[in-house]
Amino acid sequence: MRKKLTKLLASGLAAVALLAAPSGAYAADFSFYTTGFFSSALPSCNTAPGALVTCSAPSPSNAALTFTGAPTAGYLSGSTIQLGSFLPSGAGEFTFPSSTIYFTLVVNQVTPVAGVAQTGGYITGRLIQNPSSGNFSSLIWMPTPQAFSIGPVDYSLIFDQGKNGIEIAGDFRTDIRGKATVTPEPISMALLGTGLAGIVGVRRRRKSSGDAA
């Protein structure tokens, strides 16, 4: 009797899981791509939105900071995601004064529902690009909000530990990372509850039959 009940429970849970899961053996829970843009009074650091945008220092320095957006990709709920990256280049110095250069990250969600959300903040600090003596960066991007949603998908940026933003390295690519989860659809939760309730009902009926015998 116990073996039959175990098999019944396993079958019921498997059936409910199939109904609640996205179609396809390896179907992603959500997919998106990112773009971004710099806003500043500096003409060389005021860009249109795009998947590849660069903020350049005023002459004579040719130090620059480039954002590269993440391409369209699918992820499972609970994944750590890559939302784009920053990469310094050129040679010279570039100071980002407080409240001067603003960067906006745009998340363009494709599935499960199409939508757009953005977060942005000022980049402050100093960038030194010197091929002979080495590179240095004290740049930090401080976006607000840190968390946002598009339909059932909740996004949350991962800040550097103890910081209120993301530190940008001077000599290698800095990834903008986050976590994303998908809120289960009500119909999926209802199916799960219905399936479990049915299994419990079968168990009670069998137990009652045994007691009557």
C-alpha atoms as a PDB file:
ATOM      1  CA  MET A   1       0.000   0.000   0.000  1.00  0.00           C
ATOM      2  CA  ARG A   2       2.811   2.389   0.914  1.00  0.00           C
ATOM      3  CA  LYS A   3       4.630   1.685  -2.374  1.00  0.00           C
ATOM      4  CA  LYS A   4       1.462   2.379  -4.371  1.00  0.00           C
ATOM      5  CA  LEU A   5       0.909   5.633  -2.512  1.00  0.00           C
ATOM      6  CA  THR A   6       4.522   6.696  -3.144  1.00  0.00           C
ATOM      7  CA  LYS A   7       4.162   5.987  -6.856  1.00  0.00           C
ATOM      8  CA  LEU A   8       0.870   7.885  -6.950  1.00  0.00           C
ATOM      9  CA  LEU A   9       2.403  10.883  -5.200  1.00  0.00           C
ATOM     10  CA  ALA A  10       5.392  10.901  -7.542  1.00  0.00           C
ATOM     11  CA  SER A  11       3.161  10.652 -10.609  1.00  0.00           C
ATOM     12  CA  GLY A  12       0.924  13.471  -9.407  1.00  0.00           C
ATOM     13  CA  LEU A  13       3.830  15.802  -8.673  1.00  0.00           C
ATOM     14  CA  ALA A  14       5.439  15.032 -12.028  1.00  0.00           C
ATOM     15  CA  ALA A  15       2.209  15.801 -13.848  1.00  0.00           C
ATOM     16  CA  VAL A  16       1.762  19.097 -12.013  1.00  0.00           C
ATOM     17  CA  ALA A  17       5.404  20.036 -12.661  1.00  0.00           C
ATOM     18  CA  LEU A  18       4.941  19.439 -16.379  1.00  0.00           C
ATOM     19  CA  LEU A  19       1.873  21.669 -16.426  1.00  0.00           C
ATOM     20  CA  ALA A  20       3.616  24.451 -14.499  1.00  0.00           C
ATOM     21  CA  ALA A  21       6.916  24.322 -16.415  1.00  0.00           C
ATOM     22  CA  PRO A  22       7.601  26.334 -19.575  1.00  0.00           C
ATOM     23  CA  SER A  23       7.184  24.459 -22.840  1.00  0.00           C
ATOM     24  CA  GLY A  24      10.273  22.788 -24.292  1.00  0.00           C
ATOM     25  CA  ALA A  25      12.834  20.580 -22.562  1.00  0.00           C
ATOM     26  CA  TYR A  26      15.235  23.458 -21.927  1.00  0.00           C
ATOM     27  CA  ALA A  27      12.929  26.451 -22.350  1.00  0.00           C
ATOM     28  CA  ALA A  28      14.120  29.650 -20.662  1.00  0.00           C
ATOM     29  CA  ASP A  29      11.897  31.335 -18.085  1.00  0.00           C
ATOM     30  CA  PHE A  30      12.706  34.788 -19.478  1.00  0.00           C
ATOM     31  CA  SER A  31      14.919  36.497 -22.057  1.00  0.00           C
ATOM     32  CA  PHE A  32      16.199  40.040 -22.574  1.00  0.00           C
ATOM     33  CA  TYR A  33      18.944  42.241 -23.999  1.00  0.00           C
ATOM     34  CA  THR A  34      20.394  45.520 -22.729  1.00  0.00           C
ATOM     35  CA  THR A  35      21.343  48.908 -24.119  1.00  0.00           C
ATOM     36  CA  GLY A  36      22.551  52.074 -22.429  1.00  0.00           C
ATOM     37  CA  PHE A  37      23.517  55.710 -22.853  1.00  0.00           C
ATOM     38  CA  PHE A  38      25.625  58.447 -21.260  1.00  0.00           C
ATOM     39  CA  SER A  39      24.184  61.883 -20.443  1.00  0.00           C
ATOM     40  CA  SER A  40      26.487  64.846 -19.840  1.00  0.00           C
ATOM     41  CA  ALA A  41      27.153  68.487 -20.675  1.00  0.00           C
ATOM     42  CA  LEU A  42      30.331  67.205 -22.321  1.00  0.00           C
ATOM     43  CA  PRO A  43      29.559  66.662 -26.035  1.00  0.00           C
ATOM     44  CA  SER A  44      32.004  63.732 -26.130  1.00  0.00           C
ATOM     45  CA  CYS A  45      30.128  62.061 -23.293  1.00  0.00           C
ATOM     46  CA  ASN A  46      26.522  62.559 -24.357  1.00  0.00           C
ATOM     47  CA  THR A  47      25.293  59.607 -26.404  1.00  0.00           C
ATOM     48  CA  ALA A  48      22.155  58.155 -27.930  1.00  0.00           C
ATOM     49  CA  PRO A  49      20.954  54.789 -26.559  1.00  0.00           C
ATOM     50  CA  GLY A  50      22.760  51.837 -28.044  1.00  0.00           C
ATOM     51  CA  ALA A  51      24.336  48.441 -27.474  1.00  0.00           C
ATOM     52  CA  LEU A  52      27.810  50.020 -27.728  1.00  0.00           C
ATOM     53  CA  VAL A  53      28.314  53.574 -26.408  1.00  0.00           C
ATOM     54  CA  THR A  54      31.449  55.473 -25.406  1.00  0.00           C
ATOM     55  CA  CYS A  55      32.061  58.379 -23.057  1.00  0.00           C
ATOM     56  CA  SER A  56      35.301  60.132 -24.098  1.00  0.00           C
ATOM     57  CA  ALA A  57      37.438  62.576 -22.134  1.00  0.00           C
ATOM     58  CA  PRO A  58      37.879  66.141 -23.413  1.00  0.00           C
ATOM     59  CA  SER A  59      41.009  66.759 -25.505  1.00  0.00           C
ATOM     60  CA  PRO A  60      43.993  66.472 -25.113  1.00  0.00           C
ATOM     61  CA  SER A  61      43.294  63.243 -23.184  1.00  0.00           C
ATOM     62  CA  ASN A  62      41.830  60.392 -25.171  1.00  0.00           C
ATOM     63  CA  ALA A  63      40.930  58.184 -22.227  1.00  0.00           C
ATOM     64  CA  ALA A  64      37.443  56.757 -22.602  1.00  0.00           C
ATOM     65  CA  LEU A  65      34.883  54.489 -20.993  1.00  0.00           C
ATOM     66  CA  THR A  66      32.784  52.185 -23.181  1.00  0.00           C
ATOM     67  CA  PHE A  67      29.597  50.340 -22.270  1.00  0.00           C
ATOM     68  CA  THR A  68      28.729  47.147 -24.144  1.00  0.00           C
ATOM     69  CA  GLY A  69      25.218  45.795 -23.779  1.00  0.00           C
ATOM     70  CA  ALA A  70      24.310  42.165 -23.190  1.00  0.00           C
ATOM     71  CA  PRO A  71      22.989  40.343 -26.290  1.00  0.00           C
ATOM     72  CA  THR A  72      19.597  38.645 -26.362  1.00  0.00           C
ATOM     73  CA  ALA A  73      19.730  35.528 -24.191  1.00  0.00           C
ATOM     74  CA  GLY A  74      17.434  33.307 -22.164  1.00  0.00           C
ATOM     75  CA  TYR A  75      17.768  32.462 -18.477  1.00  0.00           C
ATOM     76  CA  LEU A  76      16.098  30.352 -15.806  1.00  0.00           C
ATOM     77  CA  SER A  77      14.424  31.922 -12.785  1.00  0.00           C
ATOM     78  CA  GLY A  78      16.909  32.569  -9.982  1.00  0.00           C
ATOM     79  CA  SER A  79      19.863  32.970 -12.351  1.00  0.00           C
ATOM     80  CA  THR A  80      22.743  35.380 -11.917  1.00  0.00           C
ATOM     81  CA  ILE A  81      22.607  37.455 -15.078  1.00  0.00           C
ATOM     82  CA  GLN A  82      25.029  39.640 -17.043  1.00  0.00           C
ATOM     83  CA  LEU A  83      23.523  43.027 -17.922  1.00  0.00           C
ATOM     84  CA  GLY A  84      26.419  44.522 -19.859  1.00  0.00           C
ATOM     85  CA  SER A  85      29.939  45.736 -19.105  1.00  0.00           C
ATOM     86  CA  PHE A  86      32.241  48.756 -18.816  1.00  0.00           C
ATOM     87  CA  LEU A  87      35.727  48.859 -20.361  1.00  0.00           C
ATOM     88  CA  PRO A  88      38.237  51.759 -20.142  1.00  0.00           C
ATOM     89  CA  SER A  89      40.483  52.480 -23.127  1.00  0.00           C
ATOM     90  CA  GLY A  90      42.825  55.053 -24.657  1.00  0.00           C
ATOM     91  CA  ALA A  91      45.567  56.967 -22.887  1.00  0.00           C
ATOM     92  CA  GLY A  92      45.484  59.905 -20.518  1.00  0.00           C
ATOM     93  CA  GLU A  93      43.399  61.009 -17.542  1.00  0.00           C
ATOM     94  CA  PHE A  94      39.661  61.467 -17.190  1.00  0.00           C
ATOM     95  CA  THR A  95      37.967  62.882 -14.087  1.00  0.00           C
ATOM     96  CA  PHE A  96      34.243  62.287 -13.612  1.00  0.00           C
ATOM     97  CA  PRO A  97      33.145  65.117 -11.269  1.00  0.00           C
ATOM     98  CA  SER A  98      30.164  64.555  -8.991  1.00  0.00           C
ATOM     99  CA  SER A  99      26.757  65.018 -10.679  1.00  0.00           C
ATOM    100  CA  THR A 100      28.307  65.504 -14.124  1.00  0.00           C
ATOM    101  CA  ILE A 101      28.214  62.244 -16.089  1.00  0.00           C
ATOM    102  CA  TYR A 102      25.107  60.086 -15.851  1.00  0.00           C
ATOM    103  CA  PHE A 103      24.781  56.547 -17.223  1.00  0.00           C
ATOM    104  CA  THR A 104      21.426  54.825 -17.838  1.00  0.00           C
ATOM    105  CA  LEU A 105      21.092  51.058 -18.254  1.00  0.00           C
ATOM    106  CA  VAL A 106      18.056  49.893 -20.248  1.00  0.00           C
ATOM    107  CA  VAL A 107      16.734  46.335 -19.907  1.00  0.00           C
ATOM    108  CA  ASN A 108      14.697  45.271 -22.928  1.00  0.00           C
ATOM    109  CA  GLN A 109      12.745  42.157 -21.962  1.00  0.00           C
ATOM    110  CA  VAL A 110      11.613  39.876 -24.798  1.00  0.00           C
ATOM    111  CA  THR A 111       9.791  37.070 -22.934  1.00  0.00           C
ATOM    112  CA  PRO A 112       7.590  36.110 -21.103  1.00  0.00           C
ATOM    113  CA  VAL A 113       6.170  39.574 -21.800  1.00  0.00           C
ATOM    114  CA  ALA A 114       7.829  42.331 -23.805  1.00  0.00           C
ATOM    115  CA  GLY A 115       8.703  45.370 -21.735  1.00  0.00           C
ATOM    116  CA  VAL A 116      11.374  47.924 -20.886  1.00  0.00           C
ATOM    117  CA  ALA A 117      12.794  49.131 -17.583  1.00  0.00           C
ATOM    118  CA  GLN A 118      15.761  51.299 -16.796  1.00  0.00           C
ATOM    119  CA  THR A 119      17.991  52.311 -13.932  1.00  0.00           C
ATOM    120  CA  GLY A 120      20.664  54.963 -13.857  1.00  0.00           C
ATOM    121  CA  GLY A 121      23.033  57.026 -11.784  1.00  0.00           C
ATOM    122  CA  TYR A 122      26.107  59.206 -11.857  1.00  0.00           C
ATOM    123  CA  ILE A 123      29.591  57.874 -12.466  1.00  0.00           C
ATOM    124  CA  THR A 124      32.162  59.573 -10.236  1.00  0.00           C
ATOM    125  CA  GLY A 125      35.891  59.182  -9.710  1.00  0.00           C
ATOM    126  CA  ARG A 126      39.079  59.310 -11.736  1.00  0.00           C
ATOM    127  CA  LEU A 127      40.395  57.215 -14.609  1.00  0.00           C
ATOM    128  CA  ILE A 128      44.085  57.078 -15.600  1.00  0.00           C
ATOM    129  CA  GLN A 129      45.109  55.154 -18.696  1.00  0.00           C
ATOM    130  CA  ASN A 130      48.903  55.010 -18.937  1.00  0.00           C
ATOM    131  CA  PRO A 131      50.428  52.150 -20.966  1.00  0.00           C
ATOM    132  CA  SER A 132      53.886  52.709 -19.461  1.00  0.00           C
ATOM    133  CA  SER A 133      53.132  53.128 -15.747  1.00  0.00           C
ATOM    134  CA  GLY A 134      49.832  51.245 -15.528  1.00  0.00           C
ATOM    135  CA  ASN A 135      46.144  52.000 -15.334  1.00  0.00           C
ATOM    136  CA  PHE A 136      44.115  53.261 -12.380  1.00  0.00           C
ATOM    137  CA  SER A 137      40.431  53.757 -11.688  1.00  0.00           C
ATOM    138  CA  SER A 138      38.417  55.028  -8.745  1.00  0.00           C
ATOM    139  CA  LEU A 139      35.252  55.163 -10.839  1.00  0.00           C
ATOM    140  CA  ILE A 140      31.990  53.944  -9.364  1.00  0.00           C
ATOM    141  CA  TRP A 141      28.551  53.858 -10.979  1.00  0.00           C
ATOM    142  CA  MET A 142      25.730  54.425  -8.474  1.00  0.00           C
ATOM    143  CA  PRO A 143      22.385  53.522 -10.070  1.00  0.00           C
ATOM    144  CA  THR A 144      18.924  53.883  -8.543  1.00  0.00           C
ATOM    145  CA  PRO A 145      16.789  51.827  -8.241  1.00  0.00           C
ATOM    146  CA  GLN A 146      18.780  48.713  -7.499  1.00  0.00           C
ATOM    147  CA  ALA A 147      15.729  46.501  -8.114  1.00  0.00           C
ATOM    148  CA  PHE A 148      12.917  46.721 -10.663  1.00  0.00           C
ATOM    149  CA  SER A 149      10.375  44.499 -12.400  1.00  0.00           C
ATOM    150  CA  ILE A 150       9.078  43.859 -15.901  1.00  0.00           C
ATOM    151  CA  GLY A 151       5.857  41.852 -15.722  1.00  0.00           C
ATOM    152  CA  PRO A 152       6.491  38.701 -13.663  1.00  0.00           C
ATOM    153  CA  VAL A 153      10.291  39.075 -13.777  1.00  0.00           C
ATOM    154  CA  ASP A 154      12.040  40.756 -10.824  1.00  0.00           C
ATOM    155  CA  TYR A 155      15.548  42.124 -11.501  1.00  0.00           C
ATOM    156  CA  SER A 156      18.059  43.122  -8.808  1.00  0.00           C
ATOM    157  CA  LEU A 157      21.530  44.567  -9.421  1.00  0.00           C
ATOM    158  CA  ILE A 158      24.466  43.099  -7.519  1.00  0.00           C
ATOM    159  CA  PHE A 159      26.509  45.910  -5.967  1.00  0.00           C
ATOM    160  CA  ASP A 160      30.088  45.556  -4.787  1.00  0.00           C
ATOM    161  CA  GLN A 161      30.283  44.523  -1.145  1.00  0.00           C
ATOM    162  CA  GLY A 162      29.969  47.490   1.173  1.00  0.00           C
ATOM    163  CA  LYS A 163      29.362  49.873  -1.742  1.00  0.00           C
ATOM    164  CA  ASN A 164      26.312  51.732  -3.017  1.00  0.00           C
ATOM    165  CA  GLY A 165      27.200  50.994  -6.602  1.00  0.00           C
ATOM    166  CA  ILE A 166      29.495  49.131  -8.997  1.00  0.00           C
ATOM    167  CA  GLU A 167      33.240  49.845  -9.038  1.00  0.00           C
ATOM    168  CA  ILE A 168      34.732  50.148 -12.536  1.00  0.00           C
ATOM    169  CA  ALA A 169      38.212  48.652 -12.929  1.00  0.00           C
ATOM    170  CA  GLY A 170      40.936  50.528 -14.767  1.00  0.00           C
ATOM    171  CA  ASP A 171      42.611  47.692 -16.618  1.00  0.00           C
ATOM    172  CA  PHE A 172      39.957  45.079 -17.404  1.00  0.00           C
ATOM    173  CA  ARG A 173      36.265  44.668 -18.185  1.00  0.00           C
ATOM    174  CA  THR A 174      33.776  45.229 -15.370  1.00  0.00           C
ATOM    175  CA  ASP A 175      30.566  43.245 -15.710  1.00  0.00           C
ATOM    176  CA  ILE A 176      27.231  44.606 -14.501  1.00  0.00           C
ATOM    177  CA  ARG A 177      25.674  41.627 -12.752  1.00  0.00           C
ATOM    178  CA  GLY A 178      22.270  40.965 -11.269  1.00  0.00           C
ATOM    179  CA  LYS A 179      19.820  38.338 -10.063  1.00  0.00           C
ATOM    180  CA  ALA A 180      16.453  37.692 -11.640  1.00  0.00           C
ATOM    181  CA  THR A 181      13.477  35.607 -10.569  1.00  0.00           C
ATOM    182  CA  VAL A 182      10.151  34.914 -12.211  1.00  0.00           C
ATOM    183  CA  THR A 183       6.994  35.063 -10.080  1.00  0.00           C
ATOM    184  CA  PRO A 184       4.930  31.900 -10.745  1.00  0.00           C
ATOM    185  CA  GLU A 185       1.741  32.538 -12.669  1.00  0.00           C
ATOM    186  CA  PRO A 186      -1.467  32.086 -10.597  1.00  0.00           C
ATOM    187  CA  ILE A 187      -2.634  29.272 -12.882  1.00  0.00           C
ATOM    188  CA  SER A 188       0.554  27.315 -12.192  1.00  0.00           C
ATOM    189  CA  MET A 189       0.116  27.681  -8.438  1.00  0.00           C
ATOM    190  CA  ALA A 190      -3.529  26.680  -8.739  1.00  0.00           C
ATOM    191  CA  LEU A 191      -2.584  23.562 -10.679  1.00  0.00           C
ATOM    192  CA  LEU A 192      -0.002  22.688  -8.042  1.00  0.00           C
ATOM    193  CA  GLY A 193      -2.556  23.086  -5.257  1.00  0.00           C
ATOM    194  CA  THR A 194      -5.175  21.085  -7.148  1.00  0.00           C
ATOM    195  CA  GLY A 195      -2.738  18.262  -7.812  1.00  0.00           C
ATOM    196  CA  LEU A 196      -1.595  18.004  -4.197  1.00  0.00           C
ATOM    197  CA  ALA A 197      -5.166  18.237  -2.903  1.00  0.00           C
ATOM    198  CA  GLY A 198      -6.190  15.376  -5.181  1.00  0.00           C
ATOM    199  CA  ILE A 199      -3.355  13.200  -3.943  1.00  0.00           C
ATOM    200  CA  VAL A 200      -4.223  13.904  -0.300  1.00  0.00           C
ATOM    201  CA  GLY A 201      -7.880  13.066  -1.036  1.00  0.00           C
ATOM    202  CA  VAL A 202      -6.949   9.705  -2.556  1.00  0.00           C
ATOM    203  CA  ARG A 203      -4.831   8.884   0.485  1.00  0.00           C
ATOM    204  CA  ARG A 204      -7.691   9.727   2.890  1.00  0.00           C
ATOM    205  CA  ARG A 205     -10.178   7.637   0.931  1.00  0.00           C
ATOM    206  CA  ARG A 206      -7.829   4.672   0.948  1.00  0.00           C
ATOM    207  CA  LYS A 207      -7.224   5.061   4.660  1.00  0.00           C
ATOM    208  CA  SER A 208     -10.967   5.225   5.325  1.00  0.00           C
ATOM    209  CA  SER A 209     -11.512   2.087   3.252  1.00  0.00           C
ATOM    210  CA  GLY A 210      -8.835   0.304   5.273  1.00  0.00           C
ATOM    211  CA  ASP A 211     -10.385   1.359   8.567  1.00  0.00           C
ATOM    212  CA  ALA A 212     -13.803   0.164   7.442  1.00  0.00           C
ATOM    213  CA  ALA A 213     -12.374  -3.203   6.514  1.00  0.00           C
END
